[in-house]
Structure formats: structure tokens, C-alpha cells
Amino acid sequence: MADIDIRRAHHLGRADAREAADRMADKLGRKFGLKGDWDGDVLRFERPGVAGTLTVGPKDVRLSVALGFLLKAMKGSIEQAIQHELDALFAGKTAAKTRTAAAPTKKKAAGPRKKGG
């Protein structure tokens, strides 16, 4: 059973989402000493006291982590670091795409009106 289970929606497409997930996994791997391997769209990672998966889907990513007894005390800080990385990589890009798509187009100002006569 996962101690940490997080999903994030994305609008990146599977290939871009996997690239972003790979960058996140690399960064968290260096920070927490994790080693992992991709099996299709699933990254399986582990280190003593931690095991988990990062699954990239066409519309979301899911991170599931099981913590060992000693690391359960650090669950909050580990989860916070993961949330921060997921938000930076996925929520920001989703919000940026949404803002860009929803932004109104600016109209050119009309020139001066001519008086009739």
C-alpha cells in the first residue's frame, strides 16, 4: 500500500509528459538517492526504505511511493518536495496553456474619425 499517492493532470501529450517526468525523477533521484528504470511508461524506483512507481498516462501522471518505517516520519517533507516538483513540471504548463488559449486577443485601436461634411 502506498504511503504517498499523487495524481496530476496534464495536457502535454504522452511523450512530453514522459520527458518532464524523467526530469523530475532525475532531480528527486539526486536529492533522495533514488535509482530507477523505465518499463514502458512506468518508472520503477527504489532505495533502502523507499519503493515506488511513476506512471505517465496520456492525460495524467501518477506517483505512488511506499516508505519504510524510518522514512514514514519524514513523509510530510518528502510529499511536499514531490508536490512541488509535480506542480512545477505539470501544473505550471497546464495553467500556461490554459491561460494562452483563453487570453482575449487585443484589438487595434481605431484611427481618428473623420467628420462628415
PDB file of N, CA and C in Angstrom:
ATOM      1  N   MET A   1       0.840  -1.184   0.000  1.00  0.00           N
ATOM      2  CA  MET A   1       0.000   0.000   0.000  1.00  0.00           C
ATOM      3  C   MET A   1       0.884   1.247   0.000  1.00  0.00           C
ATOM      4  N   ALA A   2       0.543   2.214  -0.830  1.00  0.00           N
ATOM      5  CA  ALA A   2       1.341   3.427  -0.967  1.00  0.00           C
ATOM      6  C   ALA A   2       1.090   4.381   0.196  1.00  0.00           C
ATOM      7  N   ASP A   3       2.169   4.934   0.714  1.00  0.00           N
ATOM      8  CA  ASP A   3       2.065   5.961   1.745  1.00  0.00           C
ATOM      9  C   ASP A   3       1.810   7.322   1.107  1.00  0.00           C
ATOM     10  N   ILE A   4       2.315   7.487  -0.108  1.00  0.00           N
ATOM     11  CA  ILE A   4       2.114   8.714  -0.875  1.00  0.00           C
ATOM     12  C   ILE A   4       1.544   8.305  -2.225  1.00  0.00           C
ATOM     13  N   ASP A   5       0.424   8.886  -2.606  1.00  0.00           N
ATOM     14  CA  ASP A   5      -0.213   8.570  -3.882  1.00  0.00           C
ATOM     15  C   ASP A   5      -0.746   9.874  -4.463  1.00  0.00           C
ATOM     16  N   ILE A   6      -0.114  10.363  -5.522  1.00  0.00           N
ATOM     17  CA  ILE A   6      -0.444  11.675  -6.072  1.00  0.00           C
ATOM     18  C   ILE A   6      -0.694  11.549  -7.569  1.00  0.00           C
ATOM     19  N   ARG A   7      -1.729  12.227  -8.036  1.00  0.00           N
ATOM     20  CA  ARG A   7      -2.012  12.310  -9.478  1.00  0.00           C
ATOM     21  C   ARG A   7      -1.992  13.772  -9.893  1.00  0.00           C
ATOM     22  N   ARG A   8      -1.515  14.007 -11.108  1.00  0.00           N
ATOM     23  CA  ARG A   8      -1.555  15.347 -11.688  1.00  0.00           C
ATOM     24  C   ARG A   8      -2.027  15.234 -13.131  1.00  0.00           C
ATOM     25  N   ALA A   9      -3.012  16.032 -13.479  1.00  0.00           N
ATOM     26  CA  ALA A   9      -3.465  16.092 -14.869  1.00  0.00           C
ATOM     27  C   ALA A   9      -2.442  16.884 -15.676  1.00  0.00           C
ATOM     28  N   HIS A  10      -2.366  16.582 -16.961  1.00  0.00           N
ATOM     29  CA  HIS A  10      -1.501  17.347 -17.853  1.00  0.00           C
ATOM     30  C   HIS A  10      -2.128  17.394 -19.241  1.00  0.00           C
ATOM     31  N   HIS A  11      -1.646  18.339 -20.024  1.00  0.00           N
ATOM     32  CA  HIS A  11      -2.090  18.478 -21.410  1.00  0.00           C
ATOM     33  C   HIS A  11      -0.873  18.482 -22.326  1.00  0.00           C
ATOM     34  N   LEU A  12       0.135  17.711 -21.957  1.00  0.00           N
ATOM     35  CA  LEU A  12       1.401  17.732 -22.679  1.00  0.00           C
ATOM     36  C   LEU A  12       1.499  16.692 -23.775  1.00  0.00           C
ATOM     37  N   GLY A  13       0.667  15.697 -23.749  1.00  0.00           N
ATOM     38  CA  GLY A  13       0.871  14.547 -24.622  1.00  0.00           C
ATOM     39  C   GLY A  13       1.796  13.576 -23.903  1.00  0.00           C
ATOM     40  N   ARG A  14       1.720  12.330 -24.261  1.00  0.00           N
ATOM     41  CA  ARG A  14       2.466  11.296 -23.538  1.00  0.00           C
ATOM     42  C   ARG A  14       3.981  11.514 -23.619  1.00  0.00           C
ATOM     43  N   ALA A  15       4.504  11.825 -24.799  1.00  0.00           N
ATOM     44  CA  ALA A  15       5.959  11.957 -24.963  1.00  0.00           C
ATOM     45  C   ALA A  15       6.515  13.119 -24.142  1.00  0.00           C
ATOM     46  N   ASP A  16       5.870  14.292 -24.208  1.00  0.00           N
ATOM     47  CA  ASP A  16       6.340  15.441 -23.438  1.00  0.00           C
ATOM     48  C   ASP A  16       6.157  15.213 -21.945  1.00  0.00           C
ATOM     49  N   ALA A  17       5.073  14.561 -21.560  1.00  0.00           N
ATOM     50  CA  ALA A  17       4.843  14.263 -20.143  1.00  0.00           C
ATOM     51  C   ALA A  17       5.912  13.303 -19.627  1.00  0.00           C
ATOM     52  N   ARG A  18       6.282  12.333 -20.442  1.00  0.00           N
ATOM     53  CA  ARG A  18       7.315  11.392 -20.011  1.00  0.00           C
ATOM     54  C   ARG A  18       8.656  12.108 -19.869  1.00  0.00           C
ATOM     55  N   GLU A  19       8.959  13.016 -20.786  1.00  0.00           N
ATOM     56  CA  GLU A  19      10.197  13.782 -20.695  1.00  0.00           C
ATOM     57  C   GLU A  19      10.218  14.616 -19.413  1.00  0.00           C
ATOM     58  N   ALA A  20       9.103  15.270 -19.102  1.00  0.00           N
ATOM     59  CA  ALA A  20       9.004  16.060 -17.871  1.00  0.00           C
ATOM     60  C   ALA A  20       9.123  15.161 -16.645  1.00  0.00           C
ATOM     61  N   ALA A  21       8.477  14.003 -16.680  1.00  0.00           N
ATOM     62  CA  ALA A  21       8.553  13.054 -15.567  1.00  0.00           C
ATOM     63  C   ALA A  21       9.975  12.553 -15.383  1.00  0.00           C
ATOM     64  N   ASP A  22      10.683  12.346 -16.473  1.00  0.00           N
ATOM     65  CA  ASP A  22      12.065  11.888 -16.405  1.00  0.00           C
ATOM     66  C   ASP A  22      12.945  12.949 -15.750  1.00  0.00           C
ATOM     67  N   ARG A  23      12.721  14.222 -16.093  1.00  0.00           N
ATOM     68  CA  ARG A  23      13.482  15.313 -15.461  1.00  0.00           C
ATOM     69  C   ARG A  23      13.194  15.362 -13.965  1.00  0.00           C
ATOM     70  N   MET A  24      11.909  15.225 -13.605  1.00  0.00           N
ATOM     71  CA  MET A  24      11.541  15.245 -12.195  1.00  0.00           C
ATOM     72  C   MET A  24      12.174  14.078 -11.451  1.00  0.00           C
ATOM     73  N   ALA A  25      12.106  12.890 -12.042  1.00  0.00           N
ATOM     74  CA  ALA A  25      12.672  11.704 -11.404  1.00  0.00           C
ATOM     75  C   ALA A  25      14.176  11.855 -11.225  1.00  0.00           C
ATOM     76  N   ASP A  26      14.838  12.450 -12.201  1.00  0.00           N
ATOM     77  CA  ASP A  26      16.277  12.668 -12.104  1.00  0.00           C
ATOM     78  C   ASP A  26      16.603  13.614 -10.953  1.00  0.00           C
ATOM     79  N   LYS A  27      15.839  14.702 -10.856  1.00  0.00           N
ATOM     80  CA  LYS A  27      16.071  15.687  -9.790  1.00  0.00           C
ATOM     81  C   LYS A  27      15.797  15.083  -8.411  1.00  0.00           C
ATOM     82  N   LEU A  28      14.651  14.409  -8.269  1.00  0.00           N
ATOM     83  CA  LEU A  28      14.329  13.789  -6.981  1.00  0.00           C
ATOM     84  C   LEU A  28      15.283  12.637  -6.678  1.00  0.00           C
ATOM     85  N   GLY A  29      15.739  11.953  -7.722  1.00  0.00           N
ATOM     86  CA  GLY A  29      16.700  10.871  -7.534  1.00  0.00           C
ATOM     87  C   GLY A  29      17.995  11.371  -6.929  1.00  0.00           C
ATOM     88  N   ARG A  30      18.480  12.514  -7.439  1.00  0.00           N
ATOM     89  CA  ARG A  30      19.706  13.099  -6.872  1.00  0.00           C
ATOM     90  C   ARG A  30      19.461  13.568  -5.439  1.00  0.00           C
ATOM     91  N   LYS A  31      18.305  14.172  -5.199  1.00  0.00           N
ATOM     92  CA  LYS A  31      18.006  14.725  -3.874  1.00  0.00           C
ATOM     93  C   LYS A  31      17.839  13.634  -2.818  1.00  0.00           C
ATOM     94  N   PHE A  32      17.171  12.527  -3.187  1.00  0.00           N
ATOM     95  CA  PHE A  32      16.867  11.482  -2.211  1.00  0.00           C
ATOM     96  C   PHE A  32      17.645  10.186  -2.427  1.00  0.00           C
ATOM     97  N   GLY A  33      18.561  10.155  -3.398  1.00  0.00           N
ATOM     98  CA  GLY A  33      19.364   8.957  -3.627  1.00  0.00           C
ATOM     99  C   GLY A  33      18.599   7.793  -4.225  1.00  0.00           C
ATOM    100  N   LEU A  34      17.606   8.094  -5.064  1.00  0.00           N
ATOM    101  CA  LEU A  34      16.792   7.042  -5.682  1.00  0.00           C
ATOM    102  C   LEU A  34      17.417   6.566  -6.985  1.00  0.00           C
ATOM    103  N   LYS A  35      17.237   5.307  -7.277  1.00  0.00           N
ATOM    104  CA  LYS A  35      17.653   4.739  -8.562  1.00  0.00           C
ATOM    105  C   LYS A  35      16.430   4.086  -9.183  1.00  0.00           C
ATOM    106  N   GLY A  36      16.273   4.263 -10.500  1.00  0.00           N
ATOM    107  CA  GLY A  36      15.096   3.690 -11.138  1.00  0.00           C
ATOM    108  C   GLY A  36      15.320   3.355 -12.591  1.00  0.00           C
ATOM    109  N   ASP A  37      14.387   2.600 -13.139  1.00  0.00           N
ATOM    110  CA  ASP A  37      14.418   2.200 -14.540  1.00  0.00           C
ATOM    111  C   ASP A  37      13.018   2.312 -15.126  1.00  0.00           C
ATOM    112  N   TRP A  38      12.956   2.735 -16.387  1.00  0.00           N
ATOM    113  CA  TRP A  38      11.693   2.817 -17.102  1.00  0.00           C
ATOM    114  C   TRP A  38      11.323   1.455 -17.659  1.00  0.00           C
ATOM    115  N   ASP A  39      10.060   1.115 -17.540  1.00  0.00           N
ATOM    116  CA  ASP A  39       9.480  -0.072 -18.163  1.00  0.00           C
ATOM    117  C   ASP A  39       8.249   0.427 -18.914  1.00  0.00           C
ATOM    118  N   GLY A  40       8.429   0.782 -20.175  1.00  0.00           N
ATOM    119  CA  GLY A  40       7.350   1.416 -20.924  1.00  0.00           C
ATOM    120  C   GLY A  40       7.115   2.810 -20.381  1.00  0.00           C
ATOM    121  N   ASP A  41       5.902   3.096 -19.937  1.00  0.00           N
ATOM    122  CA  ASP A  41       5.565   4.406 -19.376  1.00  0.00           C
ATOM    123  C   ASP A  41       5.552   4.397 -17.852  1.00  0.00           C
ATOM    124  N   VAL A  42       6.178   3.391 -17.255  1.00  0.00           N
ATOM    125  CA  VAL A  42       6.226   3.283 -15.794  1.00  0.00           C
ATOM    126  C   VAL A  42       7.682   3.306 -15.340  1.00  0.00           C
ATOM    127  N   LEU A  43       7.997   4.270 -14.476  1.00  0.00           N
ATOM    128  CA  LEU A  43       9.314   4.331 -13.862  1.00  0.00           C
ATOM    129  C   LEU A  43       9.213   3.659 -12.501  1.00  0.00           C
ATOM    130  N   ARG A  44      10.003   2.622 -12.302  1.00  0.00           N
ATOM    131  CA  ARG A  44      10.068   1.947 -11.003  1.00  0.00           C
ATOM    132  C   ARG A  44      11.360   2.391 -10.335  1.00  0.00           C
ATOM    133  N   PHE A  45      11.233   2.882  -9.101  1.00  0.00           N
ATOM    134  CA  PHE A  45      12.419   3.387  -8.411  1.00  0.00           C
ATOM    135  C   PHE A  45      12.467   2.843  -6.992  1.00  0.00           C
ATOM    136  N   GLU A  46      13.677   2.844  -6.448  1.00  0.00           N
ATOM    137  CA  GLU A  46      13.845   2.369  -5.076  1.00  0.00           C
ATOM    138  C   GLU A  46      15.176   2.807  -4.505  1.00  0.00           C
ATOM    139  N   ARG A  47      15.259   2.689  -3.237  1.00  0.00           N
ATOM    140  CA  ARG A  47      16.453   2.834  -2.419  1.00  0.00           C
ATOM    141  C   ARG A  47      16.078   2.231  -1.082  1.00  0.00           C
ATOM    142  N   PRO A  48      17.019   1.980  -0.214  1.00  0.00           N
ATOM    143  CA  PRO A  48      16.625   1.415   1.080  1.00  0.00           C
ATOM    144  C   PRO A  48      15.575   2.297   1.773  1.00  0.00           C
ATOM    145  N   GLY A  49      14.447   1.707   2.095  1.00  0.00           N
ATOM    146  CA  GLY A  49      13.373   2.419   2.783  1.00  0.00           C
ATOM    147  C   GLY A  49      12.358   3.093   1.884  1.00  0.00           C
ATOM    148  N   VAL A  50      12.551   3.036   0.562  1.00  0.00           N
ATOM    149  CA  VAL A  50      11.630   3.686  -0.378  1.00  0.00           C
ATOM    150  C   VAL A  50      11.476   2.812  -1.617  1.00  0.00           C
ATOM    151  N   ALA A  51      10.247   2.654  -2.072  1.00  0.00           N
ATOM    152  CA  ALA A  51       9.978   1.980  -3.346  1.00  0.00           C
ATOM    153  C   ALA A  51       8.746   2.632  -3.942  1.00  0.00           C
ATOM    154  N   GLY A  52       8.748   2.786  -5.258  1.00  0.00           N
ATOM    155  CA  GLY A  52       7.582   3.408  -5.859  1.00  0.00           C
ATOM    156  C   GLY A  52       7.565   3.334  -7.361  1.00  0.00           C
ATOM    157  N   THR A  53       6.499   3.907  -7.907  1.00  0.00           N
ATOM    158  CA  THR A  53       6.328   3.975  -9.355  1.00  0.00           C
ATOM    159  C   THR A  53       5.851   5.363  -9.750  1.00  0.00           C
ATOM    160  N   LEU A  54       6.256   5.758 -10.930  1.00  0.00           N
ATOM    161  CA  LEU A  54       5.775   6.982 -11.557  1.00  0.00           C
ATOM    162  C   LEU A  54       5.220   6.558 -12.910  1.00  0.00           C
ATOM    163  N   THR A  55       3.904   6.667 -13.063  1.00  0.00           N
ATOM    164  CA  THR A  55       3.237   6.206 -14.275  1.00  0.00           C
ATOM    165  C   THR A  55       2.777   7.404 -15.096  1.00  0.00           C
ATOM    166  N   VAL A  56       3.178   7.434 -16.362  1.00  0.00           N
ATOM    167  CA  VAL A  56       2.802   8.519 -17.265  1.00  0.00           C
ATOM    168  C   VAL A  56       1.670   8.036 -18.158  1.00  0.00           C
ATOM    169  N   GLY A  57       0.540   8.712 -18.062  1.00  0.00           N
ATOM    170  CA  GLY A  57      -0.603   8.407 -18.912  1.00  0.00           C
ATOM    171  C   GLY A  57      -0.798   9.510 -19.936  1.00  0.00           C
ATOM    172  N   PRO A  58      -1.732   9.338 -20.845  1.00  0.00           N
ATOM    173  CA  PRO A  58      -1.953  10.354 -21.875  1.00  0.00           C
ATOM    174  C   PRO A  58      -2.510  11.667 -21.325  1.00  0.00           C
ATOM    175  N   LYS A  59      -3.163  11.623 -20.153  1.00  0.00           N
ATOM    176  CA  LYS A  59      -3.758  12.837 -19.590  1.00  0.00           C
ATOM    177  C   LYS A  59      -3.361  13.119 -18.149  1.00  0.00           C
ATOM    178  N   ASP A  60      -2.644  12.184 -17.511  1.00  0.00           N
ATOM    179  CA  ASP A  60      -2.211  12.424 -16.140  1.00  0.00           C
ATOM    180  C   ASP A  60      -0.958  11.620 -15.822  1.00  0.00           C
ATOM    181  N   VAL A  61      -0.335  11.998 -14.708  1.00  0.00           N
ATOM    182  CA  VAL A  61       0.781  11.224 -14.165  1.00  0.00           C
ATOM    183  C   VAL A  61       0.385  10.807 -12.760  1.00  0.00           C
ATOM    184  N   ARG A  62       0.872   9.651 -12.342  1.00  0.00           N
ATOM    185  CA  ARG A  62       0.561   9.155 -11.006  1.00  0.00           C
ATOM    186  C   ARG A  62       1.851   8.684 -10.351  1.00  0.00           C
ATOM    187  N   LEU A  63       2.068   9.166  -9.144  1.00  0.00           N
ATOM    188  CA  LEU A  63       3.236   8.784  -8.371  1.00  0.00           C
ATOM    189  C   LEU A  63       2.764   8.060  -7.121  1.00  0.00           C
ATOM    190  N   SER A  64       3.246   6.846  -6.929  1.00  0.00           N
ATOM    191  CA  SER A  64       2.917   6.055  -5.740  1.00  0.00           C
ATOM    192  C   SER A  64       4.218   5.682  -5.056  1.00  0.00           C
ATOM    193  N   VAL A  65       4.292   5.951  -3.761  1.00  0.00           N
ATOM    194  CA  VAL A  65       5.519   5.699  -3.009  1.00  0.00           C
ATOM    195  C   VAL A  65       5.188   4.973  -1.712  1.00  0.00           C
ATOM    196  N   ALA A  66       5.920   3.901  -1.454  1.00  0.00           N
ATOM    197  CA  ALA A  66       5.832   3.197  -0.171  1.00  0.00           C
ATOM    198  C   ALA A  66       7.093   3.542   0.615  1.00  0.00           C
ATOM    199  N   LEU A  67       6.900   3.992   1.843  1.00  0.00           N
ATOM    200  CA  LEU A  67       8.020   4.387   2.690  1.00  0.00           C
ATOM    201  C   LEU A  67       8.273   3.340   3.757  1.00  0.00           C
ATOM    202  N   GLY A  68       9.545   3.127   4.042  1.00  0.00           N
ATOM    203  CA  GLY A  68       9.914   2.236   5.129  1.00  0.00           C
ATOM    204  C   GLY A  68       9.625   2.893   6.471  1.00  0.00           C
ATOM    205  N   PHE A  69       9.746   2.118   7.524  1.00  0.00           N
ATOM    206  CA  PHE A  69       9.397   2.570   8.868  1.00  0.00           C
ATOM    207  C   PHE A  69      10.090   3.880   9.243  1.00  0.00           C
ATOM    208  N   LEU A  70      11.392   3.975   9.039  1.00  0.00           N
ATOM    209  CA  LEU A  70      12.129   5.171   9.452  1.00  0.00           C
ATOM    210  C   LEU A  70      11.766   6.403   8.623  1.00  0.00           C
ATOM    211  N   LEU A  71      11.473   6.213   7.353  1.00  0.00           N
ATOM    212  CA  LEU A  71      11.152   7.357   6.495  1.00  0.00           C
ATOM    213  C   LEU A  71       9.710   7.830   6.633  1.00  0.00           C
ATOM    214  N   LYS A  72       8.866   7.035   7.254  1.00  0.00           N
ATOM    215  CA  LYS A  72       7.475   7.479   7.457  1.00  0.00           C
ATOM    216  C   LYS A  72       7.430   8.748   8.301  1.00  0.00           C
ATOM    217  N   ALA A  73       8.420   8.932   9.160  1.00  0.00           N
ATOM    218  CA  ALA A  73       8.478  10.144   9.972  1.00  0.00           C
ATOM    219  C   ALA A  73       8.739  11.382   9.106  1.00  0.00           C
ATOM    220  N   MET A  74       9.327  11.188   7.928  1.00  0.00           N
ATOM    221  CA  MET A  74       9.632  12.293   7.014  1.00  0.00           C
ATOM    222  C   MET A  74       8.618  12.397   5.878  1.00  0.00           C
ATOM    223  N   LYS A  75       7.511  11.685   5.998  1.00  0.00           N
ATOM    224  CA  LYS A  75       6.516  11.642   4.924  1.00  0.00           C
ATOM    225  C   LYS A  75       6.103  13.041   4.474  1.00  0.00           C
ATOM    226  N   GLY A  76       5.841  13.926   5.403  1.00  0.00           N
ATOM    227  CA  GLY A  76       5.389  15.277   5.064  1.00  0.00           C
ATOM    228  C   GLY A  76       6.377  16.028   4.192  1.00  0.00           C
ATOM    229  N   SER A  77       7.649  16.016   4.557  1.00  0.00           N
ATOM    230  CA  SER A  77       8.643  16.747   3.769  1.00  0.00           C
ATOM    231  C   SER A  77       8.895  16.077   2.425  1.00  0.00           C
ATOM    232  N   ILE A  78       8.854  14.755   2.386  1.00  0.00           N
ATOM    233  CA  ILE A  78       9.023  14.038   1.118  1.00  0.00           C
ATOM    234  C   ILE A  78       7.852  14.347   0.193  1.00  0.00           C
ATOM    235  N   GLU A  79       6.635  14.275   0.730  1.00  0.00           N
ATOM    236  CA  GLU A  79       5.449  14.556  -0.079  1.00  0.00           C
ATOM    237  C   GLU A  79       5.443  15.998  -0.569  1.00  0.00           C
ATOM    238  N   GLN A  80       5.878  16.915   0.278  1.00  0.00           N
ATOM    239  CA  GLN A  80       5.931  18.326  -0.103  1.00  0.00           C
ATOM    240  C   GLN A  80       6.918  18.541  -1.254  1.00  0.00           C
ATOM    241  N   ALA A  81       8.076  17.894  -1.196  1.00  0.00           N
ATOM    242  CA  ALA A  81       9.064  18.007  -2.275  1.00  0.00           C
ATOM    243  C   ALA A  81       8.503  17.453  -3.581  1.00  0.00           C
ATOM    244  N   ILE A  82       7.803  16.336  -3.494  1.00  0.00           N
ATOM    245  CA  ILE A  82       7.204  15.726  -4.683  1.00  0.00           C
ATOM    246  C   ILE A  82       6.117  16.637  -5.254  1.00  0.00           C
ATOM    247  N   GLN A  83       5.244  17.158  -4.386  1.00  0.00           N
ATOM    248  CA  GLN A  83       4.173  18.064  -4.831  1.00  0.00           C
ATOM    249  C   GLN A  83       4.769  19.275  -5.549  1.00  0.00           C
ATOM    250  N   HIS A  84       5.829  19.826  -4.969  1.00  0.00           N
ATOM    251  CA  HIS A  84       6.484  20.997  -5.555  1.00  0.00           C
ATOM    252  C   HIS A  84       6.996  20.686  -6.962  1.00  0.00           C
ATOM    253  N   GLU A  85       7.652  19.558  -7.120  1.00  0.00           N
ATOM    254  CA  GLU A  85       8.178  19.169  -8.431  1.00  0.00           C
ATOM    255  C   GLU A  85       7.049  18.922  -9.431  1.00  0.00           C
ATOM    256  N   LEU A  86       6.014  18.219  -9.011  1.00  0.00           N
ATOM    257  CA  LEU A  86       4.887  17.958  -9.911  1.00  0.00           C
ATOM    258  C   LEU A  86       4.213  19.258 -10.337  1.00  0.00           C
ATOM    259  N   ASP A  87       4.025  20.172  -9.388  1.00  0.00           N
ATOM    260  CA  ASP A  87       3.409  21.456  -9.718  1.00  0.00           C
ATOM    261  C   ASP A  87       4.272  22.235 -10.703  1.00  0.00           C
ATOM    262  N   ALA A  88       5.583  22.241 -10.474  1.00  0.00           N
ATOM    263  CA  ALA A  88       6.488  22.981 -11.350  1.00  0.00           C
ATOM    264  C   ALA A  88       6.483  22.418 -12.766  1.00  0.00           C
ATOM    265  N   LEU A  89       6.436  21.112 -12.889  1.00  0.00           N
ATOM    266  CA  LEU A  89       6.531  20.494 -14.208  1.00  0.00           C
ATOM    267  C   LEU A  89       5.201  20.340 -14.928  1.00  0.00           C
ATOM    268  N   PHE A  90       4.130  20.104 -14.191  1.00  0.00           N
ATOM    269  CA  PHE A  90       2.858  19.804 -14.846  1.00  0.00           C
ATOM    270  C   PHE A  90       1.807  20.878 -14.648  1.00  0.00           C
ATOM    271  N   ALA A  91       1.573  21.322 -13.431  1.00  0.00           N
ATOM    272  CA  ALA A  91       0.525  22.315 -13.186  1.00  0.00           C
ATOM    273  C   ALA A  91       0.852  23.629 -13.875  1.00  0.00           C
ATOM    274  N   GLY A  92       2.111  24.046 -13.826  1.00  0.00           N
ATOM    275  CA  GLY A  92       2.506  25.302 -14.460  1.00  0.00           C
ATOM    276  C   GLY A  92       2.288  25.279 -15.953  1.00  0.00           C
ATOM    277  N   LYS A  93       2.656  24.183 -16.612  1.00  0.00           N
ATOM    278  CA  LYS A  93       2.495  24.091 -18.063  1.00  0.00           C
ATOM    279  C   LYS A  93       1.028  23.985 -18.433  1.00  0.00           C
ATOM    280  N   THR A  94       0.257  23.281 -17.623  1.00  0.00           N
ATOM    281  CA  THR A  94      -1.173  23.171 -17.896  1.00  0.00           C
ATOM    282  C   THR A  94      -1.818  24.543 -17.767  1.00  0.00           C
ATOM    283  N   ALA A  95      -1.484  25.267 -16.687  1.00  0.00           N
ATOM    284  CA  ALA A  95      -2.061  26.589 -16.468  1.00  0.00           C
ATOM    285  C   ALA A  95      -1.620  27.554 -17.565  1.00  0.00           C
ATOM    286  N   ALA A  96      -0.349  27.475 -17.974  1.00  0.00           N
ATOM    287  CA  ALA A  96       0.143  28.370 -19.015  1.00  0.00           C
ATOM    288  C   ALA A  96      -0.588  28.119 -20.328  1.00  0.00           C
ATOM    289  N   LYS A  97      -0.792  26.859 -20.675  1.00  0.00           N
ATOM    290  CA  LYS A  97      -1.514  26.551 -21.909  1.00  0.00           C
ATOM    291  C   LYS A  97      -2.956  27.030 -21.814  1.00  0.00           C
ATOM    292  N   THR A  98      -3.565  26.874 -20.653  1.00  0.00           N
ATOM    293  CA  THR A  98      -4.944  27.307 -20.469  1.00  0.00           C
ATOM    294  C   THR A  98      -5.034  28.821 -20.577  1.00  0.00           C
ATOM    295  N   ARG A  99      -4.113  29.533 -19.937  1.00  0.00           N
ATOM    296  CA  ARG A  99      -4.124  30.991 -19.997  1.00  0.00           C
ATOM    297  C   ARG A  99      -3.919  31.469 -21.430  1.00  0.00           C
ATOM    298  N   THR A 100      -2.987  30.854 -22.140  1.00  0.00           N
ATOM    299  CA  THR A 100      -2.717  31.254 -23.515  1.00  0.00           C
ATOM    300  C   THR A 100      -3.941  31.038 -24.385  1.00  0.00           C
ATOM    301  N   ALA A 101      -4.586  29.907 -24.224  1.00  0.00           N
ATOM    302  CA  ALA A 101      -5.760  29.598 -25.039  1.00  0.00           C
ATOM    303  C   ALA A 101      -6.930  30.510 -24.694  1.00  0.00           C
ATOM    304  N   ALA A 102      -7.039  30.919 -23.440  1.00  0.00           N
ATOM    305  CA  ALA A 102      -8.186  31.702 -23.002  1.00  0.00           C
ATOM    306  C   ALA A 102      -7.947  33.204 -23.092  1.00  0.00           C
ATOM    307  N   ALA A 103      -6.715  33.626 -23.362  1.00  0.00           N
ATOM    308  CA  ALA A 103      -6.410  35.052 -23.382  1.00  0.00           C
ATOM    309  C   ALA A 103      -7.134  35.734 -24.536  1.00  0.00           C
ATOM    310  N   PRO A 104      -7.805  36.849 -24.241  1.00  0.00           N
ATOM    311  CA  PRO A 104      -8.502  37.553 -25.319  1.00  0.00           C
ATOM    312  C   PRO A 104      -7.494  38.207 -26.258  1.00  0.00           C
ATOM    313  N   THR A 105      -7.850  38.311 -27.513  1.00  0.00           N
ATOM    314  CA  THR A 105      -6.963  38.962 -28.466  1.00  0.00           C
ATOM    315  C   THR A 105      -7.160  40.459 -28.360  1.00  0.00           C
ATOM    316  N   LYS A 106      -6.080  41.194 -28.508  1.00  0.00           N
ATOM    317  CA  LYS A 106      -6.159  42.649 -28.429  1.00  0.00           C
ATOM    318  C   LYS A 106      -6.587  43.191 -29.784  1.00  0.00           C
ATOM    319  N   LYS A 107      -7.482  44.165 -29.732  1.00  0.00           N
ATOM    320  CA  LYS A 107      -7.939  44.788 -30.968  1.00  0.00           C
ATOM    321  C   LYS A 107      -7.096  46.024 -31.226  1.00  0.00           C
ATOM    322  N   LYS A 108      -6.865  46.288 -32.497  1.00  0.00           N
ATOM    323  CA  LYS A 108      -6.153  47.504 -32.860  1.00  0.00           C
ATOM    324  C   LYS A 108      -7.056  48.691 -32.581  1.00  0.00           C
ATOM    325  N   ALA A 109      -6.451  49.733 -32.088  1.00  0.00           N
ATOM    326  CA  ALA A 109      -7.236  50.937 -31.846  1.00  0.00           C
ATOM    327  C   ALA A 109      -7.637  51.545 -33.187  1.00  0.00           C
ATOM    328  N   ALA A 110      -8.856  51.996 -33.252  1.00  0.00           N
ATOM    329  CA  ALA A 110      -9.337  52.621 -34.489  1.00  0.00           C
ATOM    330  C   ALA A 110      -8.682  53.982 -34.644  1.00  0.00           C
ATOM    331  N   GLY A 111      -8.425  54.379 -35.879  1.00  0.00           N
ATOM    332  CA  GLY A 111      -7.833  55.691 -36.152  1.00  0.00           C
ATOM    333  C   GLY A 111      -8.828  56.799 -35.835  1.00  0.00           C
ATOM    334  N   PRO A 112      -8.396  58.033 -35.973  1.00  0.00           N
ATOM    335  CA  PRO A 112      -9.307  59.151 -35.686  1.00  0.00           C
ATOM    336  C   PRO A 112     -10.476  59.158 -36.667  1.00  0.00           C
ATOM    337  N   ARG A 113     -11.621  59.563 -36.163  1.00  0.00           N
ATOM    338  CA  ARG A 113     -12.823  59.621 -37.000  1.00  0.00           C
ATOM    339  C   ARG A 113     -12.807  60.905 -37.819  1.00  0.00           C
ATOM    340  N   LYS A 114     -13.251  60.755 -39.025  1.00  0.00           N
ATOM    341  CA  LYS A 114     -13.355  61.940 -39.884  1.00  0.00           C
ATOM    342  C   LYS A 114     -14.756  62.513 -39.741  1.00  0.00           C
ATOM    343  N   LYS A 115     -14.803  63.809 -39.700  1.00  0.00           N
ATOM    344  CA  LYS A 115     -16.104  64.472 -39.629  1.00  0.00           C
ATOM    345  C   LYS A 115     -16.680  64.548 -41.027  1.00  0.00           C
ATOM    346  N   GLY A 116     -17.926  64.265 -41.119  1.00  0.00           N
ATOM    347  CA  GLY A 116     -18.587  64.335 -42.420  1.00  0.00           C
ATOM    348  C   GLY A 116     -18.885  65.778 -42.789  1.00  0.00           C
ATOM    349  N   GLY A 117     -18.782  66.131 -44.060  1.00  0.00           N
ATOM    350  CA  GLY A 117     -19.267  67.426 -44.332  1.00  0.00           C
ATOM    351  C   GLY A 117     -18.704  68.222 -45.300  1.00  0.00           C
TER     352      GLY A 117
END
